[in-house]
Every structure is written in C-alpha cells, then in structure tokens.
Amino acid sequence: MRRISIQGSKFSGLEGQEAGSNCRSIDVVIVNAAEVSRSYYKGDYDAKAKQLPTCWSANTQIPAPEVPEDQRQSGRCIDCTQNVRGSGSGSGRACTFHQRLAVVEEHALDTVYQLQVPASSIFGKERGRGTMPLQAYAKFLSGHGTPSLAVVTRISFDEGSPVPKLFFYPQRPLEENELEKVRFMVDHDDTLGAIAFSIDPRMSTRGSPFAEAEGFDINSLG
C-alpha cells in the first residue's frame, strides 16, 4: 500500500520524490474515501512502535466488532468518556477522528495513495481562500454539483498550525480523457485497499466519502 505521510507538516512517500524534500502542497484527485472513523490509544501513542489502538470505531457510532471486550470503552461512541472534550490533551478528545482518502497525483492518475486525514483537517470552517477543511471542501463541491473525482485538488498545510493540519482547494476541472482514467480507478483494488477497514485500524469501505459526522451530513462527492 502506497501511503502519503504528513509528519513534520510536509508530504512524503510519493514516488519520484527526493528524500528530505520539503513538500508543502500536492495536487491530487480524490478518487474515493472511507467514512469518518475513530481510534483511542491508552497512554501516549508511539508511531514508531506501530502501536495498535485500545478501542476503535469504523463509523463513529459503536466500537468495531474486532475490539476485545476488555478494551471497549463504551457500548456507544456518543456515551463514551473518551469522547468528551478535555479527555485528551488540552481541550481535545482522547478518542480522535480520522478519515482515509484514496488519491492519485495529477500526473499519475493510475497510481493510488492512501492519505489519512486527522480530525483537525476534517472539521471546521473556511477562514479565507484556500483554507477549507475536508468537510467544508466537500460541502463546497457539492454545492457546485461537482464530484471530487472531477477536479484536481490542491492539499496544503496550515502554516500557522503547530501540528500537521491540511487545507483543500480546487485547482482545475479534469479533461475528459483524464476523467475517464479516474472513473476507472474508483473501484480499483488499490483504491478499495486504500480506504479499507483494518485493525490498524482507520477504517471503512462503506458509506459516503464525506459521511455524517458531528451533526451534519454532506452528500457523496464520488
């Protein structure tokens, strides 16, 4: 599985990218996406240790069936004490949201990457041109009757954020020959694998690409 990392507020993991390059924005097509999901880690998360979560949910509603009984924090996510603001660092939640996207680069439409988007990049409002979080971007495209797979999207970092935070903005519509290639990739095995549920865990192959979360529902863009 090809994955795009956003550690250190720079993109890495792209084929042909020079090691150590300071890549601050990428132009991609969002081909497909999982539902918003959750994961909770007891204690400090160690990315280098490839730590598995204590509890997780594929749909932000109930813990996944694979979560062992002695690790489940609650029967429903909405009732969980780890879902309360302040249960994590600062005013955040201990159980965090994330969403997996399957994307292809503008110049390589048949090569799929997984991009996992953190909660700070999913929710919120646009503060100015080029500052849309993911769901605000989904709403923007939906309002213009445009599916995400029909446009090149620029994904860039919030320069003022101390942690990696992404913004989304449309760059151009795809040409007809490009759109034909992208349509073929929507249900490609690599695409479905990039958004598939796994105990890793972060999550689902079902539902709207920008599904119901935090009280509002945005139509599918794919």
C-alpha atoms as a PDB file:
ATOM      1  CA  MET A   1       0.000   0.000   0.000  1.00  0.00           C
ATOM      2  CA  ARG A   2       1.393   3.394  -1.001  1.00  0.00           C
ATOM      3  CA  ARG A   3       0.883   5.941   1.757  1.00  0.00           C
ATOM      4  CA  ILE A   4       1.394   9.676   1.899  1.00  0.00           C
ATOM      5  CA  SER A   5       2.777  10.811   5.240  1.00  0.00           C
ATOM      6  CA  ILE A   6       2.126  14.278   6.695  1.00  0.00           C
ATOM      7  CA  GLN A   7       4.565  14.018   9.604  1.00  0.00           C
ATOM      8  CA  GLY A   8       6.516  17.180  10.242  1.00  0.00           C
ATOM      9  CA  SER A   9       3.962  19.184   8.201  1.00  0.00           C
ATOM     10  CA  LYS A  10       5.395  18.011   4.907  1.00  0.00           C
ATOM     11  CA  PHE A  11       4.224  15.409   2.411  1.00  0.00           C
ATOM     12  CA  SER A  12       6.395  12.345   1.900  1.00  0.00           C
ATOM     13  CA  GLY A  13       6.049   8.884   0.397  1.00  0.00           C
ATOM     14  CA  LEU A  14       5.340   9.961  -3.181  1.00  0.00           C
ATOM     15  CA  GLU A  15       7.084   8.081  -5.967  1.00  0.00           C
ATOM     16  CA  GLY A  16       9.897  10.062  -7.515  1.00  0.00           C
ATOM     17  CA  GLN A  17      10.072  12.445  -4.572  1.00  0.00           C
ATOM     18  CA  GLU A  18      13.585  13.359  -3.482  1.00  0.00           C
ATOM     19  CA  ALA A  19      14.472  12.183   0.023  1.00  0.00           C
ATOM     20  CA  GLY A  20      14.314  15.026   2.518  1.00  0.00           C
ATOM     21  CA  SER A  21      12.448  17.356   0.171  1.00  0.00           C
ATOM     22  CA  ASN A  22      10.230  19.945   1.857  1.00  0.00           C
ATOM     23  CA  CYS A  23       6.949  19.240   0.051  1.00  0.00           C
ATOM     24  CA  ARG A  24       4.286  21.571   1.455  1.00  0.00           C
ATOM     25  CA  SER A  25       1.474  21.027  -1.076  1.00  0.00           C
ATOM     26  CA  ILE A  26       0.337  18.359  -3.518  1.00  0.00           C
ATOM     27  CA  ASP A  27      -2.085  18.387  -6.458  1.00  0.00           C
ATOM     28  CA  VAL A  28      -4.214  15.241  -6.470  1.00  0.00           C
ATOM     29  CA  VAL A  29      -7.604  13.832  -7.394  1.00  0.00           C
ATOM     30  CA  ILE A  30      -9.673  12.408  -4.518  1.00  0.00           C
ATOM     31  CA  VAL A  31     -10.857   9.143  -6.049  1.00  0.00           C
ATOM     32  CA  ASN A  32     -12.679   7.621  -3.091  1.00  0.00           C
ATOM     33  CA  ALA A  33     -12.879   7.870   0.685  1.00  0.00           C
ATOM     34  CA  ALA A  34     -13.835   5.978   3.814  1.00  0.00           C
ATOM     35  CA  GLU A  35     -16.288   7.130   6.422  1.00  0.00           C
ATOM     36  CA  VAL A  36     -15.023   9.245   9.289  1.00  0.00           C
ATOM     37  CA  SER A  37     -13.731   6.852  11.946  1.00  0.00           C
ATOM     38  CA  ARG A  38     -12.255   6.955  15.459  1.00  0.00           C
ATOM     39  CA  SER A  39      -9.438   5.449  17.468  1.00  0.00           C
ATOM     40  CA  TYR A  40      -8.435   5.611  21.127  1.00  0.00           C
ATOM     41  CA  TYR A  41      -4.965   4.860  22.464  1.00  0.00           C
ATOM     42  CA  LYS A  42      -4.496   4.283  26.178  1.00  0.00           C
ATOM     43  CA  GLY A  43      -1.416   6.187  27.240  1.00  0.00           C
ATOM     44  CA  ASP A  44       0.914   8.034  24.867  1.00  0.00           C
ATOM     45  CA  TYR A  45       0.781   6.989  21.219  1.00  0.00           C
ATOM     46  CA  ASP A  46       4.064   5.750  19.777  1.00  0.00           C
ATOM     47  CA  ALA A  47       4.004   5.870  15.973  1.00  0.00           C
ATOM     48  CA  LYS A  48       7.421   4.236  15.622  1.00  0.00           C
ATOM     49  CA  ALA A  49       6.221   1.211  17.586  1.00  0.00           C
ATOM     50  CA  LYS A  50       3.278   0.758  15.167  1.00  0.00           C
ATOM     51  CA  GLN A  51       1.067   0.687  18.216  1.00  0.00           C
ATOM     52  CA  LEU A  52      -2.438  -0.690  17.801  1.00  0.00           C
ATOM     53  CA  PRO A  53      -5.330   1.263  19.331  1.00  0.00           C
ATOM     54  CA  THR A  54      -7.051   0.206  22.505  1.00  0.00           C
ATOM     55  CA  CYS A  55     -10.524   0.842  21.071  1.00  0.00           C
ATOM     56  CA  TRP A  56     -11.751   1.982  17.656  1.00  0.00           C
ATOM     57  CA  SER A  57     -14.826   2.547  15.523  1.00  0.00           C
ATOM     58  CA  ALA A  58     -15.274   2.340  11.765  1.00  0.00           C
ATOM     59  CA  ASN A  59     -18.335   4.605  11.725  1.00  0.00           C
ATOM     60  CA  THR A  60     -18.046   6.871  14.836  1.00  0.00           C
ATOM     61  CA  GLN A  61     -21.145   5.210  16.322  1.00  0.00           C
ATOM     62  CA  ILE A  62     -20.171   1.927  18.000  1.00  0.00           C
ATOM     63  CA  PRO A  63     -16.838   0.164  18.635  1.00  0.00           C
ATOM     64  CA  ALA A  64     -15.787  -2.192  15.860  1.00  0.00           C
ATOM     65  CA  PRO A  65     -16.690  -5.868  16.443  1.00  0.00           C
ATOM     66  CA  GLU A  66     -12.977  -6.711  16.479  1.00  0.00           C
ATOM     67  CA  VAL A  67     -12.346  -4.649  19.635  1.00  0.00           C
ATOM     68  CA  PRO A  68     -11.832  -7.093  22.559  1.00  0.00           C
ATOM     69  CA  GLU A  69     -14.474  -6.807  25.265  1.00  0.00           C
ATOM     70  CA  ASP A  70     -11.937  -5.833  27.921  1.00  0.00           C
ATOM     71  CA  GLN A  71     -10.713  -2.959  25.734  1.00  0.00           C
ATOM     72  CA  ARG A  72     -14.073  -1.428  24.812  1.00  0.00           C
ATOM     73  CA  GLN A  73     -14.506   1.949  26.418  1.00  0.00           C
ATOM     74  CA  SER A  74     -18.297   2.108  25.926  1.00  0.00           C
ATOM     75  CA  GLY A  75     -21.146   0.424  24.076  1.00  0.00           C
ATOM     76  CA  ARG A  76     -21.755   3.568  22.002  1.00  0.00           C
ATOM     77  CA  CYS A  77     -19.252   6.216  20.974  1.00  0.00           C
ATOM     78  CA  ILE A  78     -21.645   9.032  21.867  1.00  0.00           C
ATOM     79  CA  ASP A  79     -21.745   7.836  25.509  1.00  0.00           C
ATOM     80  CA  CYS A  80     -18.008   7.232  25.852  1.00  0.00           C
ATOM     81  CA  THR A  81     -15.977   9.218  28.367  1.00  0.00           C
ATOM     82  CA  GLN A  82     -13.081   9.224  25.866  1.00  0.00           C
ATOM     83  CA  ASN A  83     -15.336  11.210  23.502  1.00  0.00           C
ATOM     84  CA  VAL A  84     -15.683  14.140  25.906  1.00  0.00           C
ATOM     85  CA  ARG A  85     -13.790  17.355  25.186  1.00  0.00           C
ATOM     86  CA  GLY A  86     -10.931  17.615  27.651  1.00  0.00           C
ATOM     87  CA  SER A  87     -10.455  13.847  27.912  1.00  0.00           C
ATOM     88  CA  GLY A  88      -7.383  14.221  25.693  1.00  0.00           C
ATOM     89  CA  SER A  89      -4.584  16.780  25.688  1.00  0.00           C
ATOM     90  CA  GLY A  90      -5.814  20.333  26.219  1.00  0.00           C
ATOM     91  CA  SER A  91      -9.466  20.625  25.244  1.00  0.00           C
ATOM     92  CA  GLY A  92      -9.313  17.744  22.758  1.00  0.00           C
ATOM     93  CA  ARG A  93     -10.868  14.309  22.876  1.00  0.00           C
ATOM     94  CA  ALA A  94      -8.866  11.235  23.859  1.00  0.00           C
ATOM     95  CA  CYS A  95     -10.673   9.306  21.103  1.00  0.00           C
ATOM     96  CA  THR A  96      -9.728  11.031  17.874  1.00  0.00           C
ATOM     97  CA  PHE A  97     -11.415  11.261  14.474  1.00  0.00           C
ATOM     98  CA  HIS A  98      -9.678  10.492  11.189  1.00  0.00           C
ATOM     99  CA  GLN A  99     -10.633   9.730   7.594  1.00  0.00           C
ATOM    100  CA  ARG A 100      -8.847   7.785   4.880  1.00  0.00           C
ATOM    101  CA  LEU A 101      -8.729   9.114   1.339  1.00  0.00           C
ATOM    102  CA  ALA A 102      -7.650   7.325  -1.827  1.00  0.00           C
ATOM    103  CA  VAL A 103      -5.887   9.887  -4.029  1.00  0.00           C
ATOM    104  CA  VAL A 104      -3.934   9.914  -7.284  1.00  0.00           C
ATOM    105  CA  GLU A 105      -1.424  12.533  -8.351  1.00  0.00           C
ATOM    106  CA  GLU A 106      -2.368  14.860 -11.170  1.00  0.00           C
ATOM    107  CA  HIS A 107       0.375  13.472 -13.430  1.00  0.00           C
ATOM    108  CA  ALA A 108      -0.070   9.787 -12.462  1.00  0.00           C
ATOM    109  CA  LEU A 109      -3.782   9.025 -12.442  1.00  0.00           C
ATOM    110  CA  ASP A 110      -3.364   5.248 -12.185  1.00  0.00           C
ATOM    111  CA  THR A 111      -1.205   5.243  -9.043  1.00  0.00           C
ATOM    112  CA  VAL A 112      -3.251   5.237  -5.838  1.00  0.00           C
ATOM    113  CA  TYR A 113      -2.057   6.504  -2.461  1.00  0.00           C
ATOM    114  CA  GLN A 114      -3.675   6.371   0.943  1.00  0.00           C
ATOM    115  CA  LEU A 115      -3.848   9.692   2.775  1.00  0.00           C
ATOM    116  CA  GLN A 116      -5.120   9.640   6.345  1.00  0.00           C
ATOM    117  CA  VAL A 117      -6.642  12.959   7.343  1.00  0.00           C
ATOM    118  CA  PRO A 118      -6.624  13.921  11.046  1.00  0.00           C
ATOM    119  CA  ALA A 119      -9.575  15.458  12.882  1.00  0.00           C
ATOM    120  CA  SER A 120      -8.165  18.993  12.750  1.00  0.00           C
ATOM    121  CA  SER A 121      -8.231  18.729   8.938  1.00  0.00           C
ATOM    122  CA  ILE A 122     -11.760  17.290   8.695  1.00  0.00           C
ATOM    123  CA  PHE A 123     -13.942  19.674  10.708  1.00  0.00           C
ATOM    124  CA  GLY A 124     -14.142  23.448  10.895  1.00  0.00           C
ATOM    125  CA  LYS A 125     -14.927  26.419   8.687  1.00  0.00           C
ATOM    126  CA  GLU A 126     -13.118  28.155   5.866  1.00  0.00           C
ATOM    127  CA  ARG A 127     -11.215  31.218   7.131  1.00  0.00           C
ATOM    128  CA  GLY A 128     -10.292  32.568   3.707  1.00  0.00           C
ATOM    129  CA  ARG A 129      -9.372  31.462   0.208  1.00  0.00           C
ATOM    130  CA  GLY A 130      -7.584  28.105   0.230  1.00  0.00           C
ATOM    131  CA  THR A 131      -8.335  27.314   3.890  1.00  0.00           C
ATOM    132  CA  MET A 132     -11.135  24.730   3.674  1.00  0.00           C
ATOM    133  CA  PRO A 133     -11.003  21.656   5.925  1.00  0.00           C
ATOM    134  CA  LEU A 134     -12.150  18.431   4.285  1.00  0.00           C
ATOM    135  CA  GLN A 135     -15.873  18.536   5.090  1.00  0.00           C
ATOM    136  CA  ALA A 136     -16.132  22.238   4.239  1.00  0.00           C
ATOM    137  CA  TYR A 137     -14.485  21.386   0.922  1.00  0.00           C
ATOM    138  CA  ALA A 138     -16.932  18.529   0.367  1.00  0.00           C
ATOM    139  CA  LYS A 139     -19.825  20.903   1.010  1.00  0.00           C
ATOM    140  CA  PHE A 140     -18.336  23.476  -1.362  1.00  0.00           C
ATOM    141  CA  LEU A 141     -18.015  20.963  -4.202  1.00  0.00           C
ATOM    142  CA  SER A 142     -21.449  19.511  -3.532  1.00  0.00           C
ATOM    143  CA  GLY A 143     -22.950  22.992  -3.675  1.00  0.00           C
ATOM    144  CA  HIS A 144     -21.488  23.389  -7.157  1.00  0.00           C
ATOM    145  CA  GLY A 145     -22.707  19.953  -8.281  1.00  0.00           C
ATOM    146  CA  THR A 146     -19.117  18.787  -8.720  1.00  0.00           C
ATOM    147  CA  PRO A 147     -17.827  15.343  -7.674  1.00  0.00           C
ATOM    148  CA  SER A 148     -14.388  15.252  -6.075  1.00  0.00           C
ATOM    149  CA  LEU A 149     -13.103  12.933  -8.795  1.00  0.00           C
ATOM    150  CA  ALA A 150     -13.816  15.575 -11.457  1.00  0.00           C
ATOM    151  CA  VAL A 151     -11.305  18.136 -10.185  1.00  0.00           C
ATOM    152  CA  VAL A 152      -7.654  18.454  -9.277  1.00  0.00           C
ATOM    153  CA  THR A 153      -7.485  19.326  -5.587  1.00  0.00           C
ATOM    154  CA  ARG A 154      -4.575  21.147  -4.011  1.00  0.00           C
ATOM    155  CA  ILE A 155      -3.872  19.905  -0.488  1.00  0.00           C
ATOM    156  CA  SER A 156      -1.619  22.146   1.557  1.00  0.00           C
ATOM    157  CA  PHE A 157      -0.614  22.692   5.172  1.00  0.00           C
ATOM    158  CA  ASP A 158      -1.871  25.369   7.512  1.00  0.00           C
ATOM    159  CA  GLU A 159       1.317  27.369   8.002  1.00  0.00           C
ATOM    160  CA  GLY A 160       0.075  28.707  11.334  1.00  0.00           C
ATOM    161  CA  SER A 161      -0.671  25.349  12.935  1.00  0.00           C
ATOM    162  CA  PRO A 162       1.849  23.749  15.335  1.00  0.00           C
ATOM    163  CA  VAL A 163       0.629  20.289  14.248  1.00  0.00           C
ATOM    164  CA  PRO A 164       0.024  18.967  10.713  1.00  0.00           C
ATOM    165  CA  LYS A 165      -3.263  20.451   9.517  1.00  0.00           C
ATOM    166  CA  LEU A 166      -4.470  20.223   5.927  1.00  0.00           C
ATOM    167  CA  PHE A 167      -6.467  22.543   3.698  1.00  0.00           C
ATOM    168  CA  PHE A 168      -8.240  21.603   0.441  1.00  0.00           C
ATOM    169  CA  TYR A 169      -8.950  23.760  -2.608  1.00  0.00           C
ATOM    170  CA  PRO A 170      -9.947  23.036  -6.237  1.00  0.00           C
ATOM    171  CA  GLN A 171      -7.335  23.826  -8.885  1.00  0.00           C
ATOM    172  CA  ARG A 172      -8.951  22.878 -12.198  1.00  0.00           C
ATOM    173  CA  PRO A 173     -11.509  20.516 -13.739  1.00  0.00           C
ATOM    174  CA  LEU A 174     -10.181  17.332 -15.283  1.00  0.00           C
ATOM    175  CA  GLU A 175     -10.054  16.974 -19.047  1.00  0.00           C
ATOM    176  CA  GLU A 176     -12.394  14.309 -20.451  1.00  0.00           C
ATOM    177  CA  ASN A 177      -9.552  11.841 -21.091  1.00  0.00           C
ATOM    178  CA  GLU A 178      -8.308  12.341 -17.512  1.00  0.00           C
ATOM    179  CA  LEU A 179     -11.802  11.876 -16.097  1.00  0.00           C
ATOM    180  CA  GLU A 180     -12.151   8.586 -17.964  1.00  0.00           C
ATOM    181  CA  LYS A 181      -8.975   7.280 -16.322  1.00  0.00           C
ATOM    182  CA  VAL A 182     -10.060   8.410 -12.869  1.00  0.00           C
ATOM    183  CA  ARG A 183     -13.510   6.812 -13.183  1.00  0.00           C
ATOM    184  CA  PHE A 184     -11.806   3.505 -13.858  1.00  0.00           C
ATOM    185  CA  MET A 185      -9.857   3.870 -10.597  1.00  0.00           C
ATOM    186  CA  VAL A 186     -12.884   4.447  -8.320  1.00  0.00           C
ATOM    187  CA  ASP A 187     -13.474   0.723  -7.691  1.00  0.00           C
ATOM    188  CA  HIS A 188      -9.944  -0.447  -8.449  1.00  0.00           C
ATOM    189  CA  ASP A 189      -8.484  -2.900  -5.924  1.00  0.00           C
ATOM    190  CA  ASP A 190      -5.777  -0.392  -4.963  1.00  0.00           C
ATOM    191  CA  THR A 191      -8.405   2.263  -4.282  1.00  0.00           C
ATOM    192  CA  LEU A 192     -10.582  -0.010  -2.158  1.00  0.00           C
ATOM    193  CA  GLY A 193      -7.499  -1.218  -0.328  1.00  0.00           C
ATOM    194  CA  ALA A 194      -6.505   2.357   0.489  1.00  0.00           C
ATOM    195  CA  ILE A 195      -9.786   3.030   2.312  1.00  0.00           C
ATOM    196  CA  ALA A 196     -10.454  -0.477   3.619  1.00  0.00           C
ATOM    197  CA  PHE A 197     -11.300  -1.273   7.213  1.00  0.00           C
ATOM    198  CA  SER A 198      -8.373  -2.824   9.029  1.00  0.00           C
ATOM    199  CA  ILE A 199      -7.384  -3.404  12.626  1.00  0.00           C
ATOM    200  CA  ASP A 200      -4.621  -0.887  12.027  1.00  0.00           C
ATOM    201  CA  PRO A 201      -7.459   0.384  12.269  1.00  0.00           C
ATOM    202  CA  ARG A 202      -8.638   3.525  10.363  1.00  0.00           C
ATOM    203  CA  MET A 203     -11.301   2.339   8.510  1.00  0.00           C
ATOM    204  CA  SER A 204     -14.220   1.601   6.285  1.00  0.00           C
ATOM    205  CA  THR A 205     -15.052   0.632   2.702  1.00  0.00           C
ATOM    206  CA  ARG A 206     -18.696   1.674   3.015  1.00  0.00           C
ATOM    207  CA  GLY A 207     -20.667   4.879   3.033  1.00  0.00           C
ATOM    208  CA  SER A 208     -20.346   8.392   1.713  1.00  0.00           C
ATOM    209  CA  PRO A 209     -16.823   9.694   1.155  1.00  0.00           C
ATOM    210  CA  PHE A 210     -17.656  12.636   3.405  1.00  0.00           C
ATOM    211  CA  ALA A 211     -20.174  10.961   5.632  1.00  0.00           C
ATOM    212  CA  GLU A 212     -22.222  12.015   8.626  1.00  0.00           C
ATOM    213  CA  ALA A 213     -20.161  13.460  11.444  1.00  0.00           C
ATOM    214  CA  GLU A 214     -20.505  15.983  14.253  1.00  0.00           C
ATOM    215  CA  GLY A 215     -24.115  16.800  13.407  1.00  0.00           C
ATOM    216  CA  PHE A 216     -24.109  17.468   9.698  1.00  0.00           C
ATOM    217  CA  ASP A 217     -24.355  15.320   6.609  1.00  0.00           C
ATOM    218  CA  ILE A 218     -22.660  16.062   3.299  1.00  0.00           C
ATOM    219  CA  ASN A 219     -23.604  14.301   0.091  1.00  0.00           C
ATOM    220  CA  SER A 220     -21.174  11.913  -1.531  1.00  0.00           C
ATOM    221  CA  LEU A 221     -18.753  13.531  -3.926  1.00  0.00           C
ATOM    222  CA  GLY A 222     -17.565  10.358  -5.603  1.00  0.00           C
END
